[in-house]
Amino acid sequence: MEQRFAKISSNPLYNTQVAEVDGQIVGMIGMILGFHYEKNENYIRIVALVVDSKYRKNGIGDRLIQKAEEWAKEQEINKLVLNSGNRSERNDAHHFYTKRGFEGKAIGFYKVL
């Protein structure tokens, strides 16, 4: 993680925010500013969002999403995007996102080389 975060934190297209309770990190959101090929507007992609299971349902995820929205507005961007797996164990996460105004719009694919 040290190697990965060294690269991430030195790149201004990335933004990482953490949530703390009593000096302990209990959540984080990692974002990247992205550019479309097919249109002129940019977007913020949430690439990581996690809250310690002991601290969920306390508004921490909401506050982290708010941080993403604030960064997007600072960049004059009006769109947040994210991917979330389509496995049944992700149902709670999907509910969290849709409750906050995100729409399910795509199916993702990947190929390991």
Protein backbone atom coordinates (compact mmCIF):
# COMPACT_ATOMS: atom_id res chain seq x y z
CA MET A 1 0.00 0.00 0.00
CA GLU A 2 2.88 2.38 0.70
CA GLN A 3 4.09 2.12 -2.91
CA ARG A 4 0.60 2.56 -4.34
CA PHE A 5 -0.27 5.48 -2.10
CA ALA A 6 3.04 7.23 -2.84
CA LYS A 7 2.05 7.28 -6.53
CA ILE A 8 -1.55 8.24 -5.83
CA SER A 9 -0.82 11.04 -3.37
CA SER A 10 1.76 12.63 -5.68
CA ASN A 11 -0.71 12.85 -8.57
CA PRO A 12 -3.01 15.93 -8.48
CA LEU A 13 -5.70 14.06 -10.44
CA TYR A 14 -6.27 11.89 -7.35
CA ASN A 15 -7.89 12.93 -4.07
CA THR A 16 -8.04 10.83 -0.92
CA GLN A 17 -10.12 11.75 2.12
CA VAL A 18 -10.31 9.89 5.40
CA ALA A 19 -12.85 9.78 8.21
CA GLU A 20 -11.55 9.67 11.76
CA VAL A 21 -13.20 8.85 15.08
CA ASP A 22 -11.16 9.52 18.21
CA GLY A 23 -7.98 9.78 16.14
CA GLN A 24 -8.55 6.43 14.41
CA ILE A 25 -9.17 6.18 10.66
CA VAL A 26 -12.53 4.45 10.19
CA GLY A 27 -13.24 5.20 6.55
CA MET A 28 -11.83 6.55 3.32
CA ILE A 29 -12.79 7.65 -0.14
CA GLY A 30 -10.41 7.68 -3.09
CA MET A 31 -11.24 9.61 -6.24
CA ILE A 32 -9.72 10.49 -9.59
CA LEU A 33 -10.57 13.27 -12.01
CA GLY A 34 -11.41 11.67 -15.34
CA PHE A 35 -11.80 12.86 -18.91
CA HIS A 36 -14.29 11.58 -21.48
CA TYR A 37 -13.27 10.68 -25.00
CA GLU A 38 -16.80 11.15 -26.31
CA LYS A 39 -17.77 14.49 -24.73
CA ASN A 40 -16.21 17.63 -23.31
CA GLU A 41 -17.33 17.36 -19.69
CA ASN A 42 -15.10 15.76 -17.06
CA TYR A 43 -16.11 13.57 -14.13
CA ILE A 44 -14.95 12.41 -10.73
CA ARG A 45 -14.68 8.63 -10.41
CA ILE A 46 -14.90 7.19 -6.93
CA VAL A 47 -12.45 4.29 -7.06
CA ALA A 48 -12.50 3.37 -3.37
CA LEU A 49 -15.04 3.91 -0.61
CA VAL A 50 -14.88 1.97 2.61
CA VAL A 51 -16.14 2.41 6.16
CA ASP A 52 -15.10 0.08 8.97
CA SER A 53 -18.04 -2.27 9.58
CA LYS A 54 -18.17 -1.22 13.26
CA TYR A 55 -18.85 2.39 12.20
CA ARG A 56 -21.34 1.89 9.38
CA LYS A 57 -24.81 3.46 9.51
CA ASN A 58 -23.43 6.47 11.42
CA GLY A 59 -23.30 8.92 8.51
CA ILE A 60 -19.60 8.43 7.76
CA GLY A 61 -20.25 7.19 4.21
CA ASP A 62 -22.54 10.18 3.64
CA ARG A 63 -19.83 12.59 4.77
CA LEU A 64 -17.27 10.92 2.51
CA ILE A 65 -19.63 11.19 -0.47
CA GLN A 66 -20.10 14.86 0.45
CA LYS A 67 -16.31 15.28 0.27
CA ALA A 68 -16.40 13.84 -3.25
CA GLU A 69 -19.18 16.25 -4.20
CA GLU A 70 -17.22 19.18 -2.75
CA TRP A 71 -14.10 18.24 -4.70
CA ALA A 72 -16.15 17.86 -7.87
CA LYS A 73 -17.63 21.34 -7.41
CA GLU A 74 -14.15 22.78 -6.77
CA GLN A 75 -13.09 21.29 -10.12
CA GLU A 76 -16.28 22.64 -11.78
CA ILE A 77 -17.44 19.08 -12.42
CA ASN A 78 -21.07 18.03 -12.07
CA LYS A 79 -20.82 14.24 -12.31
CA LEU A 80 -19.67 11.52 -9.92
CA VAL A 81 -19.29 7.97 -11.21
CA LEU A 82 -18.34 4.69 -9.56
CA ASN A 83 -18.33 0.97 -10.17
CA SER A 84 -19.70 -1.51 -7.67
CA GLY A 85 -19.63 -5.26 -8.19
CA ASN A 86 -22.85 -7.02 -9.13
CA ARG A 87 -22.47 -9.75 -6.50
CA SER A 88 -25.21 -10.29 -3.92
CA GLU A 89 -22.91 -9.22 -1.08
CA ARG A 90 -22.83 -5.75 -2.71
CA ASN A 91 -26.60 -5.24 -2.36
CA ASP A 92 -26.23 -3.05 0.74
CA ALA A 93 -23.66 -0.91 -1.06
CA HIS A 94 -25.97 -0.59 -4.08
CA HIS A 95 -28.81 0.52 -1.82
CA PHE A 96 -26.47 3.05 -0.18
CA TYR A 97 -25.57 4.54 -3.57
CA THR A 98 -29.07 4.66 -5.04
CA LYS A 99 -30.41 6.24 -1.83
CA ARG A 100 -27.91 9.04 -2.42
CA GLY A 101 -28.95 9.73 -6.00
CA PHE A 102 -26.63 7.44 -7.96
CA GLU A 103 -28.21 5.55 -10.87
CA GLY A 104 -27.26 2.10 -12.10
CA LYS A 105 -26.34 2.79 -15.73
CA ALA A 106 -23.77 0.27 -16.95
CA ILE A 107 -22.41 -3.22 -16.84
CA GLY A 108 -18.66 -3.52 -16.35
CA PHE A 109 -16.33 -6.04 -17.93
CA TYR A 110 -12.71 -6.85 -17.32
CA LYS A 111 -10.12 -9.21 -18.69
CA VAL A 112 -7.00 -10.34 -16.89
CA LEU A 113 -3.92 -10.48 -19.12
